[in-house]
Protein backbone atom coordinates (compact mmCIF):
# COMPACT_ATOMS: atom_id res chain seq x y z
CA MET A 1 92.81 10.19 -45.47
CA ARG A 2 91.80 10.68 -49.28
CA ARG A 3 88.96 12.11 -47.91
CA LEU A 4 90.39 14.28 -45.88
CA ILE A 5 92.42 15.88 -48.38
CA SER A 6 89.93 16.33 -50.21
CA LEU A 7 87.95 18.34 -47.59
CA ILE A 8 90.92 20.05 -46.99
CA ALA A 9 91.26 21.20 -50.67
CA VAL A 10 87.65 22.24 -50.94
CA LEU A 11 87.36 23.87 -47.85
CA LEU A 12 90.45 26.11 -49.13
CA LEU A 13 88.29 26.39 -52.55
CA ALA A 14 85.08 27.74 -50.65
CA THR A 15 87.01 30.07 -48.42
CA THR A 16 88.40 32.49 -50.76
CA PRO A 17 86.53 31.14 -54.37
CA ALA A 18 88.51 34.36 -56.44
CA SER A 19 91.76 33.56 -54.65
CA ALA A 20 94.14 32.26 -57.25
CA GLN A 21 96.55 31.75 -54.18
CA VAL A 22 93.91 29.38 -52.41
CA LYS A 23 93.13 27.58 -56.10
CA SER A 24 96.58 26.95 -56.09
CA VAL A 25 96.88 25.15 -52.82
CA ALA A 26 94.31 22.70 -53.96
CA GLN A 27 95.75 21.89 -57.01
CA TYR A 28 98.88 20.96 -55.75
CA ILE A 29 97.38 18.81 -53.33
CA GLU A 30 95.73 16.84 -55.61
CA GLN A 31 99.66 17.21 -58.17
CA VAL A 32 100.97 15.61 -54.83
CA GLN A 33 98.16 12.94 -53.92
CA ALA A 34 98.20 11.54 -57.30
CA LEU A 35 102.41 11.22 -57.10
CA SER A 36 101.44 9.38 -53.20
CA ARG A 37 99.18 6.86 -55.07
CA ARG A 38 102.02 5.82 -57.73
CA ALA A 39 102.74 1.89 -57.26
CA GLU A 40 106.78 2.94 -57.09
CA VAL A 41 105.77 5.63 -54.48
CA LYS A 42 104.09 2.90 -52.15
CA ALA A 43 107.18 0.49 -53.00
CA ALA A 44 109.54 3.17 -51.70
CA ASP A 45 107.10 3.70 -48.59
CA ASP A 46 107.27 -0.12 -47.75
CA TYR A 47 110.53 -0.23 -47.23
CA ILE A 48 110.76 2.26 -44.66
CA ASP A 49 107.84 0.24 -42.76
CA ARG A 50 109.53 -3.05 -43.18
CA ASN A 51 113.10 -1.39 -41.91
CA HIS A 52 112.17 0.51 -38.50
CA GLU A 53 114.20 -1.76 -36.82
CA SER A 54 117.47 -0.91 -38.73
CA ILE A 55 116.56 2.44 -38.80
CA LEU A 56 116.33 2.70 -35.26
CA HIS A 57 120.16 1.44 -34.89
CA GLU A 58 121.69 3.73 -37.52
CA TRP A 59 119.97 6.50 -35.99
CA ILE A 60 121.32 5.58 -32.72
CA ALA A 61 125.03 4.74 -33.85
CA ILE A 62 125.74 8.17 -35.79
CA THR A 63 124.23 9.63 -32.78
CA GLU A 64 126.79 8.08 -30.63
CA ILE A 65 129.88 9.39 -32.42
CA ASN A 66 129.96 12.70 -31.06
CA ALA A 67 130.42 15.25 -33.44
CA PRO A 68 131.14 18.89 -32.21
CA SER A 69 130.89 21.84 -34.63
CA GLY A 70 134.25 22.09 -36.36
CA GLN A 71 135.06 18.20 -35.58
CA GLU A 72 132.68 16.44 -37.37
CA GLN A 73 135.38 14.22 -39.29
CA PRO A 74 134.36 10.90 -37.35
CA ARG A 75 130.69 10.76 -37.90
CA ALA A 76 131.03 12.08 -41.66
CA LYS A 77 133.33 9.35 -42.22
CA TYR A 78 130.76 7.10 -40.79
CA ILE A 79 128.18 8.23 -42.46
CA GLU A 80 130.92 8.35 -46.00
CA ASN A 81 131.10 4.82 -45.69
CA LEU A 82 127.53 4.14 -45.71
CA LEU A 83 127.02 5.73 -48.78
CA ARG A 84 129.65 4.01 -50.73
CA LYS A 85 126.95 1.08 -50.36
CA TYR A 86 124.14 3.48 -52.39
CA HIS A 87 125.51 3.47 -55.82
CA LEU A 88 125.17 7.07 -56.09
CA ASP A 89 126.75 9.08 -59.28
CA ASP A 90 129.42 11.50 -56.92
CA LEU A 91 130.25 11.28 -53.56
CA HIS A 92 133.12 13.75 -52.25
CA TYR A 93 133.69 16.02 -49.44
CA ASP A 94 133.95 19.95 -50.43
CA SER A 95 137.02 22.80 -49.70
CA ALA A 96 134.58 23.38 -46.22
CA GLY A 97 135.22 19.47 -45.78
CA ASN A 98 131.00 18.53 -46.40
CA LEU A 99 129.85 15.74 -47.43
CA ILE A 100 128.42 15.38 -50.46
CA ALA A 101 126.51 12.61 -52.41
CA VAL A 102 124.79 12.95 -55.92
CA ARG A 103 121.62 10.70 -57.15
CA LYS A 104 121.57 12.21 -60.96
CA GLY A 105 118.35 12.07 -61.93
CA THR A 106 117.13 11.26 -65.95
CA GLY A 107 117.04 15.00 -66.79
CA GLY A 108 114.67 17.70 -67.24
CA GLY A 109 114.12 18.40 -64.22
CA PRO A 110 115.22 21.02 -61.55
CA ALA A 111 118.84 20.55 -58.97
CA ILE A 112 117.32 19.84 -55.46
CA VAL A 113 119.27 20.35 -52.42
CA PHE A 114 118.49 18.28 -48.51
CA ASP A 115 120.84 19.67 -46.56
CA ALA A 116 121.23 17.91 -42.36
CA HIS A 117 123.93 19.12 -40.74
CA LEU A 118 126.42 16.92 -39.09
CA ASP A 119 127.57 18.81 -35.80
CA THR A 120 126.67 19.20 -32.81
CA VAL A 121 126.70 22.16 -29.64
CA PHE A 122 128.64 19.52 -27.41
CA GLN A 123 132.04 19.62 -26.04
CA PRO A 124 134.71 17.28 -27.32
CA GLY A 125 134.98 14.26 -25.81
CA LEU A 126 131.94 13.61 -24.52
CA GLN A 127 130.63 10.22 -24.46
CA ILE A 128 127.16 9.75 -25.74
CA LYS A 129 124.85 6.63 -24.94
CA ALA A 130 121.20 6.77 -26.29
CA THR A 131 118.95 5.05 -24.15
CA ILE A 132 115.18 4.00 -24.63
CA ARG A 133 112.51 4.44 -22.41
CA ASP A 134 108.35 5.24 -23.27
CA GLY A 135 108.56 5.66 -26.68
CA LYS A 136 111.44 7.84 -26.78
CA ILE A 137 114.58 7.72 -27.42
CA TYR A 138 117.47 9.75 -25.62
CA ALA A 139 121.02 11.76 -26.57
CA PRO A 140 122.48 14.68 -27.06
CA GLY A 141 121.90 15.29 -30.41
CA ILE A 142 119.70 12.68 -31.03
CA GLY A 143 117.33 15.26 -32.70
CA ASP A 144 119.75 18.07 -33.70
CA ASP A 145 119.81 16.93 -36.78
CA THR A 146 120.65 12.92 -36.90
CA ARG A 147 117.05 12.03 -36.58
CA ASN A 148 117.24 14.09 -40.09
CA ILE A 149 121.01 12.93 -40.96
CA GLU A 150 119.07 8.99 -40.73
CA ALA A 151 116.52 10.48 -42.39
CA LEU A 152 118.24 11.40 -45.59
CA LEU A 153 120.09 7.89 -45.60
CA ALA A 154 117.02 6.17 -45.45
CA THR A 155 114.90 8.21 -48.16
CA ILE A 156 118.42 6.99 -50.61
CA ARG A 157 117.93 3.31 -49.72
CA ALA A 158 113.99 3.42 -50.34
CA LEU A 159 114.42 5.13 -53.75
CA ASN A 160 116.95 2.93 -55.00
CA GLU A 161 114.60 -0.02 -53.34
CA ALA A 162 112.29 0.92 -55.50
CA LYS A 163 114.12 2.21 -58.49
CA ILE A 164 112.65 5.61 -58.60
CA LYS A 165 113.98 7.35 -61.05
CA THR A 166 113.64 11.17 -60.55
CA ARG A 167 113.90 13.30 -63.43
CA GLY A 168 115.91 15.99 -61.33
CA ASP A 169 119.47 15.54 -59.36
CA LEU A 170 118.85 15.30 -55.62
CA VAL A 171 122.07 16.52 -53.83
CA PHE A 172 122.43 15.52 -50.46
CA VAL A 173 124.71 17.88 -48.32
CA PHE A 174 125.81 17.13 -44.87
CA THR A 175 127.22 20.11 -43.99
CA VAL A 176 129.72 21.24 -41.42
CA GLN A 177 129.43 24.33 -38.67
CA GLU A 178 125.74 24.93 -38.71
CA GLU A 179 125.76 25.40 -34.91
CA THR A 180 128.31 27.88 -34.88
CA THR A 181 128.69 30.33 -38.09
CA MET A 182 126.82 27.91 -41.05
CA ASN A 183 129.74 28.44 -42.69
CA GLY A 184 129.13 24.81 -44.36
CA ALA A 185 126.01 26.18 -46.24
CA LYS A 186 127.39 29.31 -46.89
CA ALA A 187 130.50 27.68 -48.69
CA TYR A 188 128.35 24.97 -50.53
CA VAL A 189 126.11 27.68 -51.32
CA SER A 190 128.58 30.12 -52.69
CA GLU A 191 130.07 27.24 -54.67
CA ASN A 192 127.50 26.06 -56.50
CA LYS A 193 124.51 28.91 -56.68
CA ALA A 194 124.39 28.61 -60.16
CA LYS A 195 123.52 25.01 -60.02
CA ILE A 196 121.03 24.67 -57.30
CA ASP A 197 116.94 25.23 -58.26
CA GLN A 198 115.50 24.44 -54.50
CA TYR A 199 117.14 24.65 -51.08
CA ILE A 200 115.71 22.26 -48.24
CA ALA A 201 117.20 22.35 -44.66
CA LEU A 202 116.27 19.27 -42.41
CA ASP A 203 116.80 20.55 -38.82
CA GLY A 204 113.78 21.63 -36.62
CA GLY A 205 110.26 20.97 -37.82
CA TYR A 206 108.20 18.30 -38.01
CA GLU A 207 104.20 19.10 -38.77
CA GLY A 208 105.12 22.19 -40.85
CA PHE A 209 107.97 24.49 -42.18
CA THR A 210 109.88 27.34 -41.94
CA TYR A 211 110.45 29.67 -45.23
CA ALA A 212 112.42 32.82 -43.96
CA GLY A 213 115.29 33.16 -41.69
CA ILE A 214 115.50 34.31 -38.14
CA GLY A 215 117.99 37.31 -38.20
CA ILE A 216 121.44 36.61 -35.69
CA ASN A 217 123.60 38.74 -34.16
CA TRP A 218 126.14 37.66 -31.66
CA TYR A 219 128.30 40.10 -30.11
CA ARG A 220 130.87 39.76 -26.92
CA HIS A 221 130.55 43.13 -24.71
CA HIS A 222 133.61 43.85 -22.44
CA PHE A 223 133.85 46.66 -19.96
CA THR A 224 137.61 47.93 -19.32
CA GLY A 225 139.10 49.37 -16.52
CA PRO A 226 142.34 49.00 -13.84
CA GLY A 227 140.92 46.27 -11.76
CA GLY A 228 143.22 45.80 -8.92
CA HIS A 229 143.28 43.74 -5.51
CA THR A 230 140.33 43.34 -3.56
CA ARG A 231 141.45 45.55 -0.52
CA SER A 232 142.92 48.12 -3.04
CA GLN A 233 140.34 51.71 -3.26
CA THR A 234 137.18 51.41 -4.57
CA PRO A 235 136.39 52.97 -6.74
CA PRO A 236 138.13 51.91 -8.90
CA TYR A 237 135.45 48.99 -8.90
CA SER A 238 135.69 45.65 -10.39
CA ALA A 239 134.34 45.56 -13.88
CA SER A 240 131.50 43.08 -13.27
CA LEU A 241 129.71 46.12 -11.64
CA PRO A 242 128.65 47.73 -14.72
CA LEU A 243 128.49 44.40 -16.20
CA ALA A 244 125.69 43.33 -13.80
CA ARG A 245 124.28 46.64 -13.72
CA ALA A 246 123.91 46.10 -17.93
CA ILE A 247 122.62 43.15 -17.87
CA ASP A 248 119.88 43.87 -15.61
CA ARG A 249 118.54 46.96 -18.02
CA ILE A 250 119.25 45.25 -21.36
CA TYR A 251 116.87 42.14 -19.51
CA GLN A 252 114.02 45.02 -18.88
CA LEU A 253 114.43 46.12 -22.70
CA ARG A 254 110.70 45.36 -24.62
CA VAL A 255 111.67 42.61 -27.02
CA PRO A 256 108.65 42.11 -29.97
CA ARG A 257 106.90 39.15 -30.40
CA ASN A 258 105.62 40.53 -33.46
CA PRO A 259 107.76 40.38 -35.23
CA SER A 260 109.45 37.05 -34.19
CA SER A 261 112.07 38.49 -31.81
CA ASN A 262 114.57 37.32 -29.29
CA LEU A 263 117.55 38.27 -26.88
CA ASN A 264 119.50 36.11 -24.59
CA ILE A 265 122.57 37.02 -22.79
CA GLY A 266 124.43 33.71 -22.23
CA MET A 267 128.03 33.69 -21.50
CA LEU A 268 130.02 35.76 -19.05
CA GLY A 269 133.43 36.08 -17.87
CA GLY A 270 135.75 38.61 -15.78
CA SER A 271 138.83 38.24 -13.47
CA GLU A 272 140.51 34.97 -13.53
CA VAL A 273 141.13 34.54 -9.75
CA VAL A 274 139.03 35.55 -6.44
CA ASN A 275 140.79 38.15 -4.78
CA ALA A 276 141.07 40.40 -8.15
CA LYS A 277 138.83 42.85 -9.43
CA ALA A 278 137.93 42.25 -13.17
CA ALA A 279 139.86 44.55 -15.72
CA ASP A 280 137.74 43.12 -18.20
CA ALA A 281 134.60 42.03 -17.56
CA TRP A 282 132.06 40.85 -20.78
CA PHE A 283 129.22 39.07 -21.64
CA THR A 284 127.27 37.51 -25.11
CA VAL A 285 124.29 38.90 -26.55
CA ASP A 286 122.48 36.35 -28.67
CA LEU A 287 119.65 39.22 -31.08
CA ARG A 288 117.33 37.65 -32.90
CA SER A 289 114.55 38.76 -35.01
CA THR A 290 112.94 38.27 -38.37
CA ASN A 291 112.87 42.31 -38.82
CA ASN A 292 116.31 43.74 -39.35
CA GLU A 293 115.23 47.25 -37.97
CA VAL A 294 114.06 45.52 -34.75
CA ILE A 295 117.40 44.20 -34.20
CA ALA A 296 119.47 47.78 -35.61
CA ASP A 297 116.78 49.46 -32.95
CA LEU A 298 117.80 46.61 -30.28
CA GLU A 299 121.25 47.41 -30.76
CA LYS A 300 120.98 51.01 -30.57
CA GLN A 301 119.47 50.75 -26.83
CA ILE A 302 122.27 47.90 -25.97
CA GLN A 303 124.96 50.26 -26.84
CA THR A 304 123.41 53.55 -25.11
CA ILE A 305 122.94 51.35 -22.03
CA LEU A 306 126.49 49.98 -22.20
CA ASN A 307 127.79 53.51 -22.64
CA GLU A 308 125.68 55.10 -19.97
CA GLU A 309 127.25 52.56 -17.26
CA ALA A 310 130.53 52.50 -18.75
CA ALA A 311 130.63 55.81 -18.00
CA ARG A 312 128.97 55.81 -14.22
CA VAL A 313 132.44 54.37 -13.15
CA GLY A 314 134.46 55.75 -15.39
CA MET A 315 135.48 52.21 -17.55
CA LYS A 316 135.43 52.01 -21.03
CA VAL A 317 133.45 49.81 -23.62
CA LYS A 318 134.61 47.76 -26.48
CA THR A 319 131.81 45.35 -28.65
CA ASP A 320 132.86 42.47 -30.08
CA VAL A 321 130.54 41.03 -33.30
CA ILE A 322 130.84 37.54 -32.96
CA GLY A 323 128.97 37.07 -36.07
CA ALA A 324 125.98 38.86 -38.01
CA SER A 325 123.57 37.31 -40.39
CA PRO A 326 120.17 39.42 -41.19
CA ALA A 327 117.01 38.39 -41.75
CA ALA A 328 117.05 36.36 -44.79
CA PHE A 329 114.03 36.49 -47.10
CA ILE A 330 112.93 36.21 -50.78
CA PRO A 331 109.80 38.74 -51.36
CA GLY A 332 106.81 37.02 -52.22
CA HIS A 333 108.56 33.41 -51.17
CA ARG A 334 105.26 32.40 -49.71
CA GLU A 335 103.58 32.29 -52.48
CA SER A 336 106.35 30.20 -54.28
CA TYR A 337 106.50 26.82 -56.14
CA LEU A 338 108.60 25.31 -53.28
CA VAL A 339 106.45 26.69 -50.53
CA ARG A 340 103.13 25.78 -52.27
CA ILE A 341 104.33 21.71 -52.98
CA SER A 342 106.28 21.58 -49.79
CA GLU A 343 102.32 23.09 -47.85
CA ALA A 344 101.11 20.20 -50.34
CA VAL A 345 103.17 17.31 -48.95
CA HIS A 346 102.71 18.05 -45.49
CA ARG A 347 98.65 18.28 -46.29
CA VAL A 348 99.32 14.86 -47.88
CA MET A 349 100.83 13.61 -44.99
CA GLY A 350 98.15 14.10 -43.08
CA PHE A 351 99.84 17.37 -41.01
CA ASP A 352 97.95 21.10 -40.68
CA PRO A 353 101.37 22.59 -41.20
CA PRO A 354 102.56 25.74 -39.14
CA ILE A 355 104.28 28.16 -41.75
CA GLY A 356 106.25 30.16 -40.69
CA ASN A 357 108.92 32.79 -41.59
CA ALA A 358 112.06 32.43 -38.40
CA GLY A 359 114.07 29.75 -39.08
CA SER A 360 117.17 29.35 -37.71
CA ASN A 361 119.12 26.99 -39.70
CA ASN A 362 121.36 26.27 -42.99
CA SER A 363 118.22 27.96 -45.21
CA SER A 364 119.43 31.25 -44.62
CA ALA A 365 122.82 30.75 -46.60
CA ALA A 366 120.09 29.91 -49.38
CA LEU A 367 117.95 32.42 -48.99
CA HIS A 368 120.65 35.34 -48.48
CA ALA A 369 121.65 34.26 -52.04
CA GLY A 370 118.21 34.34 -53.32
CA ILE A 371 118.10 30.54 -53.96
CA SER A 372 114.38 29.28 -52.95
CA SER A 373 114.46 27.50 -49.64
CA ILE A 374 112.69 25.79 -46.93
CA SER A 375 113.77 24.45 -43.30
CA THR A 376 111.82 21.28 -42.13
CA GLY A 377 112.60 18.33 -40.27
CA ALA A 378 111.95 14.71 -39.88
CA GLY A 379 110.41 13.97 -36.39
CA PRO A 380 108.93 15.77 -33.15
CA CYS A 381 111.51 16.21 -30.75
CA GLU A 382 112.53 18.33 -27.73
CA ALA A 383 115.12 19.91 -24.94
CA SER A 384 117.25 20.69 -28.33
CA HIS A 385 121.15 21.53 -27.11
CA SER A 386 120.61 19.76 -24.06
CA LEU A 387 122.17 16.35 -22.55
CA ALA A 388 118.30 15.87 -22.09
CA GLU A 389 117.34 15.78 -25.68
CA ASN A 390 114.80 13.19 -26.79
CA CYS A 391 112.55 12.10 -29.83
CA GLU A 392 109.78 10.12 -30.30
CA ILE A 393 110.78 7.45 -32.00
CA GLU A 394 107.52 6.09 -33.72
CA PRO A 395 107.23 9.43 -35.61
CA LEU A 396 110.40 9.50 -37.27
CA TYR A 397 109.11 7.23 -39.92
CA LYS A 398 106.02 9.33 -40.94
CA GLY A 399 108.67 11.57 -41.26
CA ILE A 400 110.88 9.94 -43.21
CA LYS A 401 108.06 9.33 -45.66
CA LYS A 402 107.15 12.89 -45.38
CA VAL A 403 111.07 13.46 -46.88
CA LEU A 404 111.11 11.40 -49.37
CA LEU A 405 107.38 12.74 -50.66
CA LEU A 406 109.48 16.20 -50.79
CA GLU A 407 112.17 14.98 -52.56
CA ILE A 408 110.09 12.97 -55.50
CA ALA A 409 107.77 16.34 -55.76
CA LEU A 410 110.06 18.86 -56.46
CA ALA A 411 112.66 16.40 -59.00
CA GLY A 412 109.66 15.26 -60.28
CA VAL A 413 109.81 11.59 -61.93
CA GLU A 414 108.56 9.97 -65.04
């Protein structure tokens, strides 16, 4: 492994020898390599290796506590009870309901926030039972985001077991409402902006990370008309007619791949009975891009389609903005200390990290506030937000070690 990392460093230098940017990557790799060889860091890794089974059981237990967005309290309470055993310097809930655990440093180092969100997209009352087969674990929410909750818990225990003292404070924030509004992270950042040096959101990802946030706008578009009985004179039509025509046209719009952009129509509604023409038919649009100008252009095109289809049948259009979060980026952030150290950590762990600018998670709350932030994750998972969600088990332990090394590299050690 050391030879591989050294070779990467040499190749990076040789490719563009005049580039300070490339040299800095090699220097950071050497810095993180030296850190990973320290006896106390190896002791922390050994703790993870010795506790695979207990980590797995705890991961399952947390996942099986359903935590719909806005109803995270039972899961938070379970995690709070675990954290109370870890001799932390502070443990409390904030005004938004986030659970915050602080492991204070010895002084002279930065304050580093690690965020894993408590909530899921699943409905209240869902009974969750994890199953294991073929090296994978299956359960709704097993990846998004309990793999990362468990990663934070395991790293705290590993730091304690190895008696590692960081210079900077490590602040572990278990956030609420990430899946709906990101209000948990927004509230935490708003109340603590001056105290945060770097912010790491653990959510998607494993082999790489993102350093900027994709813009996300959500809308509910309504067509409204007179409605009526099935047998009433037509026109007036059911409002579902312009809705259907508009959806067909919207899906024909050109959505660019570069910059990364997405469009989805996810929810529909109309008449509440079979034998009535809808007086109010509506649908939602989820519009995303790393470029705010792309979002604005698609918004304009969609509005034109809505107005044309409403006028075609003599109806009106009303649009509700459910949520709007512009693309989040800091100029020059790709070359920042946080991004360079994060890249070095991934390379020292043996990854060739994909590094992107289209994160869709709580890191955007920090980036919008001007706080250096990335998002990454502790293990490879599939079928997120579905009942078939699953994760590979064995890579999680490597992912926990990656998170641990990132904590130590950023907070510093004596």
